[in-house]
Protein backbone atom coordinates (compact mmCIF):
# COMPACT_ATOMS: atom_id res chain seq x y z
CA MET A 1 -5.62 36.93 -1.75
CA LYS A 2 -2.24 36.07 -3.86
CA LYS A 3 -2.03 32.77 -1.92
CA THR A 4 -5.71 31.95 -3.04
CA LEU A 5 -5.36 32.92 -7.01
CA CYS A 6 -1.77 30.97 -6.76
CA SER A 7 -3.87 28.00 -5.51
CA VAL A 8 -6.37 28.10 -8.23
CA PHE A 9 -3.67 28.85 -10.58
CA LEU A 10 -1.99 25.77 -9.32
CA PHE A 11 -5.22 23.32 -9.47
CA LEU A 12 -6.17 24.58 -13.13
CA TYR A 13 -2.68 23.64 -14.34
CA SER A 14 -2.95 20.37 -12.34
CA LEU A 15 -5.98 19.73 -14.09
CA THR A 16 -4.73 20.41 -17.62
CA VAL A 17 -1.77 18.13 -17.05
CA PHE A 18 -4.09 15.35 -15.82
CA SER A 19 -6.44 16.26 -18.81
CA GLN A 20 -3.84 15.76 -21.46
CA LYS A 21 -2.62 12.43 -19.65
CA ALA A 22 -6.24 10.93 -20.02
CA LYS A 23 -6.29 11.21 -23.53
CA ASN A 24 -3.53 8.84 -24.07
CA GLN A 25 -3.81 6.42 -20.85
CA SER A 26 -4.75 6.48 -17.00
CA ILE A 27 -3.12 7.63 -14.14
CA LEU A 28 -1.87 4.52 -12.73
CA VAL A 29 -1.39 4.97 -8.97
CA ASP A 30 -0.15 2.04 -6.87
CA THR A 31 0.10 3.00 -2.91
CA HIS A 32 2.04 -0.04 -2.09
CA ASN A 33 5.25 -1.45 -2.80
CA ASP A 34 8.03 -2.88 -0.38
CA PHE A 35 10.89 -2.52 -2.77
CA LEU A 36 12.93 -0.20 -0.75
CA SER A 37 12.54 -3.24 2.15
CA ILE A 38 14.34 -5.45 -0.33
CA SER A 39 16.92 -2.56 -1.38
CA VAL A 40 18.19 -2.20 2.14
CA ASP A 41 18.03 -5.87 2.95
CA GLU A 42 19.56 -7.63 0.15
CA LYS A 43 21.77 -4.44 -1.51
CA VAL A 44 19.69 -4.62 -4.65
CA SER A 45 18.87 -1.27 -6.99
CA PHE A 46 15.90 -0.36 -8.29
CA ASP A 47 17.47 0.98 -11.32
CA LYS A 48 19.25 -1.93 -12.41
CA ASP A 49 17.25 -5.18 -14.16
CA LEU A 50 15.51 -7.22 -11.81
CA ARG A 51 13.23 -8.96 -13.71
CA SER A 52 14.14 -12.52 -11.94
CA LYS A 53 14.61 -11.16 -8.64
CA THR A 54 12.05 -8.87 -7.73
CA TYR A 55 8.52 -7.78 -8.81
CA SER A 56 9.85 -4.28 -9.30
CA ASP A 57 12.34 -2.43 -10.97
CA LEU A 58 12.51 1.27 -12.83
CA ASN A 59 12.57 -0.01 -16.05
CA ARG A 60 9.37 -2.67 -15.25
CA MET A 61 7.01 0.38 -13.79
CA PHE A 62 7.68 2.14 -17.41
CA GLU A 63 6.66 -1.28 -19.06
CA GLY A 64 3.56 -1.46 -16.74
CA GLY A 65 2.33 2.33 -17.34
CA VAL A 66 2.61 2.71 -13.46
CA ASN A 67 2.66 6.61 -13.27
CA VAL A 68 2.90 7.19 -9.62
CA GLN A 69 4.45 4.86 -6.70
CA PHE A 70 3.88 5.05 -3.07
CA PHE A 71 6.96 3.27 -2.02
CA SER A 72 6.36 1.81 1.49
CA ILE A 73 8.79 2.15 4.38
CA PHE A 74 8.46 -0.99 6.44
CA CYS A 75 10.34 -2.65 9.16
CA ASP A 76 8.86 -5.69 11.74
CA ASP A 77 8.34 -5.62 15.52
CA ASN A 78 12.10 -6.43 15.66
CA TYR A 79 12.51 -2.78 15.50
CA GLY A 80 11.33 -0.70 18.40
CA LYS A 81 12.26 2.43 20.16
CA GLY A 82 15.63 3.56 19.27
CA SER A 83 15.77 1.71 15.99
CA ALA A 84 12.66 1.83 14.13
CA PHE A 85 12.67 5.49 13.12
CA ASN A 86 16.40 5.13 12.61
CA TYR A 87 15.51 2.04 9.83
CA ALA A 88 12.93 3.71 8.45
CA ASN A 89 15.09 6.92 7.39
CA ARG A 90 17.81 4.09 5.82
CA GLU A 91 15.12 3.27 3.68
CA ILE A 92 14.19 7.08 2.85
CA ASP A 93 17.44 7.59 2.09
CA SER A 94 17.78 5.15 -0.68
CA LEU A 95 15.02 6.21 -2.26
CA TYR A 96 16.18 9.64 -2.15
CA ALA A 97 19.31 8.15 -3.66
CA VAL A 98 17.62 6.37 -6.36
CA CYS A 99 15.80 9.43 -7.77
CA ALA A 100 18.90 11.36 -6.91
CA ARG A 101 20.60 8.81 -9.67
CA ASN A 102 17.41 9.42 -12.42
CA PRO A 103 16.58 12.56 -12.17
CA ASP A 104 15.34 12.27 -16.09
CA ARG A 105 13.24 9.28 -15.10
CA MET A 106 11.59 9.57 -11.72
CA SER A 107 10.86 12.45 -9.08
CA LEU A 108 10.43 12.60 -5.44
CA VAL A 109 7.13 14.12 -4.98
CA SER A 110 4.94 15.01 -1.93
CA ASP A 111 2.56 17.24 -2.76
CA TRP A 112 -0.26 18.24 -6.18
CA LYS A 113 1.86 20.60 -7.71
CA SER A 114 5.31 17.88 -7.91
CA LEU A 115 2.81 15.32 -9.01
CA SER A 116 1.50 17.16 -11.77
CA LEU A 117 5.31 18.27 -13.05
CA ALA A 118 6.21 14.71 -12.59
CA LEU A 119 3.35 13.60 -14.98
CA LYS A 120 4.15 16.48 -17.26
CA GLN A 121 7.73 15.60 -17.44
CA HIS A 122 6.59 11.80 -17.89
CA LYS A 123 8.55 10.77 -14.97
CA LEU A 124 7.41 8.04 -12.21
CA ALA A 125 6.23 9.95 -9.64
CA ALA A 126 7.74 8.22 -6.24
CA MET A 127 5.92 8.99 -2.83
CA LEU A 128 6.72 7.45 0.51
CA GLY A 129 4.02 6.02 2.93
CA VAL A 130 5.13 4.29 6.68
CA GLU A 131 3.87 0.85 7.16
CA GLY A 132 3.87 0.95 11.17
CA GLY A 133 2.78 3.17 13.56
CA HIS A 134 5.61 1.97 15.68
CA MET A 135 8.16 3.74 13.77
CA ILE A 136 7.44 6.79 15.10
CA GLU A 137 8.58 5.58 18.35
CA ASP A 138 5.64 7.12 20.26
CA ASP A 139 7.18 10.50 19.39
CA LEU A 140 4.81 13.28 17.11
CA ASN A 141 7.98 15.05 16.60
CA LYS A 142 9.34 12.34 14.54
CA LEU A 143 5.79 12.08 12.78
CA ASP A 144 6.57 15.41 11.64
CA SER A 145 10.18 14.57 10.62
CA PHE A 146 8.63 11.71 8.50
CA SER A 147 6.29 14.42 6.98
CA LYS A 148 9.26 16.88 6.38
CA ARG A 149 10.92 14.23 4.26
CA GLY A 150 7.80 13.76 2.33
CA VAL A 151 5.98 10.82 3.54
CA ARG A 152 2.06 11.05 2.64
CA TYR A 153 0.42 8.21 4.77
CA MET A 154 1.44 6.27 7.45
CA THR A 155 -0.13 2.57 8.20
CA LEU A 156 -1.14 2.99 12.14
CA THR A 157 0.08 -0.49 13.15
CA TRP A 158 1.26 -3.40 11.04
CA ASN A 159 0.68 -6.91 12.59
CA ASN A 160 2.29 -5.41 15.77
CA SER A 161 0.38 -3.37 17.87
CA THR A 162 1.65 0.16 19.34
CA SER A 163 1.17 1.41 22.54
CA TRP A 164 -1.38 3.97 21.02
CA ALA A 165 -3.08 1.30 18.24
CA SER A 166 -4.30 -2.34 18.03
CA SER A 167 -3.38 -4.21 15.14
CA ALA A 168 -5.81 -6.71 13.35
CA ARG A 169 -3.92 -9.36 13.75
CA ASP A 170 -3.53 -9.10 17.83
CA GLU A 171 -6.93 -8.26 18.07
CA SER A 172 -8.48 -11.21 16.14
CA ASP A 173 -5.74 -13.49 17.74
CA HIS A 174 -6.67 -11.82 21.48
CA ALA A 175 -3.29 -11.39 22.00
CA PHE A 176 -2.09 -9.56 24.53
CA VAL A 177 -0.95 -5.82 23.65
CA VAL A 178 0.16 -2.93 25.82
CA THR A 179 -3.00 -0.40 25.11
CA PRO A 180 -6.49 -1.50 25.43
CA TYR A 181 -7.99 -2.17 21.78
CA GLY A 182 -8.58 0.66 19.66
CA LEU A 183 -6.49 4.00 19.80
CA THR A 184 -5.45 5.58 23.22
CA THR A 185 -5.79 9.41 23.74
CA PHE A 186 -2.15 9.56 22.12
CA GLY A 187 -3.22 7.40 18.89
CA LYS A 188 -6.16 10.03 18.44
CA ASP A 189 -3.57 12.85 19.00
CA VAL A 190 -1.47 10.93 15.84
CA VAL A 191 -4.68 10.74 13.54
CA ARG A 192 -5.24 14.44 14.30
CA ARG A 193 -1.84 15.63 13.80
CA MET A 194 -1.66 13.35 10.35
CA ASN A 195 -4.66 15.29 9.31
CA GLU A 196 -2.92 18.30 10.20
CA LEU A 197 0.20 17.38 8.01
CA GLY A 198 -1.69 16.42 4.89
CA MET A 199 -0.73 12.48 5.70
CA MET A 200 -3.18 10.33 4.45
CA VAL A 201 -4.55 7.62 7.66
CA ASP A 202 -3.95 4.45 6.71
CA ILE A 203 -6.18 2.09 8.33
CA SER A 204 -4.57 -1.14 6.41
CA HIS A 205 -3.50 -3.61 9.37
CA VAL A 206 -5.42 -2.16 11.76
CA GLY A 207 -7.73 -3.84 13.86
CA GLU A 208 -11.92 -3.26 14.26
CA LYS A 209 -11.79 -1.24 17.40
CA THR A 210 -8.59 0.55 15.78
CA PHE A 211 -10.63 1.16 12.72
CA TRP A 212 -13.81 2.66 14.11
CA ASP A 213 -11.86 4.88 16.70
CA VAL A 214 -10.09 6.37 13.52
CA ILE A 215 -13.16 6.69 11.38
CA ASN A 216 -14.96 8.79 14.56
CA THR A 217 -11.69 10.98 14.68
CA THR A 218 -10.07 11.97 11.49
CA THR A 219 -11.70 14.88 9.98
CA LYS A 220 -10.08 13.88 6.52
CA PRO A 221 -10.61 11.10 3.93
CA VAL A 222 -8.67 7.74 4.82
CA ILE A 223 -7.30 5.48 2.79
CA ALA A 224 -6.58 1.23 3.04
CA SER A 225 -3.15 1.55 1.50
CA HIS A 226 -3.42 -2.28 0.91
CA SER A 227 -6.29 -4.49 1.81
CA SER A 228 -9.13 -6.83 0.14
CA VAL A 229 -12.83 -7.95 1.02
CA TYR A 230 -13.75 -10.19 3.39
CA ALA A 231 -16.66 -11.38 2.34
CA LEU A 232 -14.29 -13.04 -0.33
CA CYS A 233 -11.77 -14.23 1.72
CA SER A 234 -11.96 -14.02 5.49
CA VAL A 235 -8.63 -13.26 6.69
CA PHE A 236 -7.96 -10.68 9.57
CA ARG A 237 -6.60 -8.24 6.82
CA ASN A 238 -9.34 -8.23 5.00
CA LEU A 239 -12.22 -5.40 5.14
CA LYS A 240 -15.82 -6.44 6.51
CA ASP A 241 -18.91 -4.54 4.59
CA ASP A 242 -19.35 -2.38 7.12
CA GLN A 243 -15.91 -1.12 7.06
CA ILE A 244 -15.85 -0.69 3.45
CA LYS A 245 -19.43 1.25 3.85
CA ALA A 246 -17.92 3.51 6.45
CA ILE A 247 -14.92 4.39 4.26
CA ALA A 248 -17.09 5.05 1.50
CA LYS A 249 -18.75 7.70 3.63
CA ASN A 250 -15.62 8.79 4.84
CA LYS A 251 -15.05 9.56 1.10
CA GLY A 252 -11.89 7.73 1.16
CA VAL A 253 -10.61 4.54 -0.91
CA ILE A 254 -9.92 0.87 -0.56
CA GLN A 255 -6.87 0.08 -2.43
CA VAL A 256 -6.96 -3.68 -3.74
CA ASN A 257 -4.26 -5.91 -2.22
CA PHE A 258 -2.56 -8.74 -4.65
CA TYR A 259 -1.57 -11.50 -1.91
CA SER A 260 -3.35 -14.60 -3.04
CA GLY A 261 -3.82 -15.06 0.63
CA PHE A 262 -6.14 -12.32 0.71
CA LEU A 263 -7.83 -13.20 -2.48
CA ASP A 264 -8.48 -16.33 -2.79
CA SER A 265 -10.65 -18.41 0.03
CA THR A 266 -9.26 -21.56 -0.78
CA PHE A 267 -5.11 -20.28 -0.55
CA ALA A 268 -4.54 -20.79 2.95
CA ARG A 269 -5.92 -24.48 3.39
CA ARG A 270 -3.32 -25.25 -0.18
CA LEU A 271 -0.41 -23.35 1.55
CA SER A 272 -0.55 -25.35 4.59
CA SER A 273 -0.49 -28.42 2.85
CA PHE A 274 2.95 -26.93 0.91
CA PHE A 275 4.26 -26.37 4.16
CA ALA A 276 3.24 -29.89 5.83
CA SER A 277 5.10 -31.26 2.65
CA HIS A 278 8.53 -30.08 3.56
CA GLN A 279 7.35 -30.31 7.47
CA PRO A 280 11.22 -30.80 8.40
CA GLU A 281 11.96 -27.13 6.59
CA LEU A 282 9.36 -25.71 8.27
CA ASP A 283 10.04 -27.10 11.61
CA SER A 284 13.65 -25.70 11.56
CA LEU A 285 12.80 -22.08 10.06
CA GLN A 286 10.19 -21.98 13.14
CA LYS A 287 12.52 -23.08 15.83
CA ILE A 288 14.64 -19.97 15.24
CA LYS A 289 11.62 -18.27 15.22
CA THR A 290 11.83 -17.05 11.71
CA PRO A 291 8.59 -14.09 10.71
CA ASP A 292 5.76 -15.46 8.73
CA TYR A 293 6.59 -13.43 5.88
CA ARG A 294 10.36 -14.86 5.61
CA VAL A 295 9.25 -18.23 5.80
CA LYS A 296 6.75 -17.96 2.93
CA ASN A 297 9.19 -16.21 1.09
CA TYR A 298 11.87 -19.23 1.35
CA PHE A 299 9.26 -21.66 0.55
CA SER A 300 8.64 -19.95 -2.85
CA LYS A 301 11.70 -19.19 -4.19
CA LYS A 302 13.25 -22.64 -3.03
CA TYR A 303 9.96 -24.76 -4.82
CA PRO A 304 8.97 -22.55 -7.60
CA LYS A 305 6.87 -24.95 -9.69
CA GLU A 306 5.09 -25.70 -6.30
CA ALA A 307 4.38 -22.56 -5.49
CA GLU A 308 3.17 -21.47 -8.89
CA ALA A 309 0.44 -24.25 -8.44
CA LEU A 310 -0.96 -22.28 -5.59
CA ARG A 311 -1.55 -18.95 -7.60
CA PRO A 312 -5.15 -18.10 -8.21
CA PRO A 313 -6.69 -16.88 -11.92
CA LEU A 314 -6.06 -13.29 -12.49
CA SER A 315 -9.80 -12.74 -12.39
CA ILE A 316 -9.52 -12.77 -8.75
CA ILE A 317 -8.42 -9.26 -8.21
CA LEU A 318 -11.40 -8.43 -10.58
CA ASP A 319 -13.94 -10.15 -8.27
CA HIS A 320 -12.47 -8.16 -5.14
CA ILE A 321 -13.18 -5.02 -7.10
CA ASP A 322 -16.49 -5.70 -8.27
CA TYR A 323 -17.42 -6.68 -5.14
CA ILE A 324 -16.61 -3.02 -3.61
CA VAL A 325 -17.95 -1.30 -6.59
CA LYS A 326 -21.38 -2.85 -6.34
CA LEU A 327 -21.13 -2.71 -2.47
CA VAL A 328 -20.35 1.14 -2.19
CA GLY A 329 -19.63 2.36 -6.07
CA VAL A 330 -17.03 3.19 -8.33
CA ASP A 331 -15.26 5.87 -6.47
CA TYR A 332 -13.91 4.07 -3.68
CA VAL A 333 -11.54 1.33 -4.81
CA GLY A 334 -8.22 1.29 -6.08
CA LEU A 335 -4.86 -0.62 -6.31
CA GLY A 336 -2.60 -1.38 -3.88
CA SER A 337 -0.71 -4.25 -5.03
CA ASP A 338 1.96 -5.03 -1.70
CA PHE A 339 4.71 -6.18 -4.80
CA ASP A 340 7.81 -7.27 -3.27
CA GLY A 341 6.06 -7.47 0.63
CA ILE A 342 4.32 -10.67 -1.04
CA ASP A 343 5.24 -13.98 -2.01
CA SER A 344 2.24 -15.00 -4.03
CA ALA A 345 -0.02 -12.96 -6.48
CA PRO A 346 -2.54 -14.22 -9.14
CA LYS A 347 -1.34 -15.94 -12.17
CA GLY A 348 -0.32 -13.54 -14.84
CA LEU A 349 1.00 -10.60 -12.51
CA ASP A 350 4.30 -11.57 -12.22
CA GLY A 351 5.34 -8.06 -11.77
CA VAL A 352 4.80 -3.98 -12.41
CA GLN A 353 4.83 -4.89 -15.89
CA ASP A 354 1.80 -6.45 -15.74
CA TYR A 355 -0.66 -3.88 -14.43
CA PRO A 356 -2.30 -3.53 -18.63
CA LYS A 357 -4.01 -7.00 -17.70
CA ILE A 358 -5.92 -5.19 -14.94
CA ALA A 359 -6.86 -2.93 -16.74
CA THR A 360 -8.05 -5.11 -19.76
CA GLY A 361 -9.82 -7.16 -17.75
CA LEU A 362 -11.89 -4.13 -16.41
CA ARG A 363 -13.18 -3.49 -19.85
CA GLU A 364 -13.73 -7.36 -20.18
CA ARG A 365 -16.35 -6.79 -17.79
CA GLY A 366 -18.37 -4.13 -19.05
CA TYR A 367 -15.73 -0.95 -17.37
CA SER A 368 -16.20 2.22 -18.88
CA GLU A 369 -13.16 4.15 -19.29
CA LYS A 370 -13.56 6.80 -17.24
CA ASP A 371 -14.60 4.18 -14.29
CA ILE A 372 -11.41 2.25 -15.07
CA ASP A 373 -9.28 5.70 -14.79
CA LYS A 374 -10.86 6.04 -11.11
CA ILE A 375 -10.09 2.68 -10.40
CA LEU A 376 -6.45 3.02 -11.82
CA GLY A 377 -5.70 5.91 -10.05
CA GLY A 378 -8.08 8.87 -10.24
CA ASN A 379 -9.93 7.94 -6.70
CA LEU A 380 -6.93 7.72 -4.76
CA LEU A 381 -5.42 11.11 -6.32
CA ARG A 382 -9.01 12.55 -5.05
CA VAL A 383 -8.74 11.61 -1.56
CA PHE A 384 -4.43 12.88 -1.76
CA ARG A 385 -6.05 15.96 -2.98
CA ALA A 386 -8.89 15.88 0.28
CA ASN A 387 -6.08 15.41 2.36
CA GLY A 388 -4.42 19.07 1.66
CA ASN A 389 -1.64 18.28 -0.74
């Protein structure tokens, strides 16, 4: 009885905090930012001025009105058993450290109570999501460890498949994978354990067979932490209409990705022409097996004017939001920028400080303030709550 009364009190307290916040502005939640990878790889600090180096830093989070930021824990397929889990924990340590250095400005949160408190205290609520199931190294105990450290979602695969789930890249390329396409019995156990832990199941990056296996296994709403619309840009990473409808039926949410290549159907062709104009450098990078995402980062930094010309207009993000809203309603869409994990975003989105431009664009398209609140963060908070947090 005491536990029930306590839960009711916390819920009413949270509603009061959120209501007070809403009087001033929406609660802005971004579900995917890759800054921690840059922090570890390039030795840069989130609490320093990084305006000319990254999409994100602490000051610009406040400038852009970001209230809740999920930081992605990421390592690529060069990391496997014996290294991936340890590397992931290095990135988690880096977020713990920056929160400890800035206790008056940000707070690591992992549940509804701590989230409410951070908002009340006007701090950045810093949250954790693991991008790639290979980081649990086929071990549910490692999944439990991530949960205890505050991880509140896991993307089941990155571009690389695991032994228990196939990725969108491998399924679309018909590449050889260890597991048959979809979830194995262990993969379904992972989903069920995440449901038990209150860890949101993230279907960004997963193959279609894996997607449907997840939908048929999970008992909680899922998220697509950083995915866009296939009908508008037909790349393997985007969601098809039947998948969008299934997520809505599941009461989940699609967080729209800001990467130009996932938004603009002409971007891939124009990017290929850009690379072709620097073919000798491209050949050199490919010869040493440089990952695609690092190749793109290299060219965008070395040839900024050419990279700038490739960027689509900001309105293209609104087009993807509009499409989802028209297909399934306003309750199932949000924002998952992929900042600091991408090398190109639409014009005008040069960093986290530019989020207000999206809200302005939604108003110009006739969205009500109530609907804008849902898109900017309310929908994701609903799913977070529904997962038992």
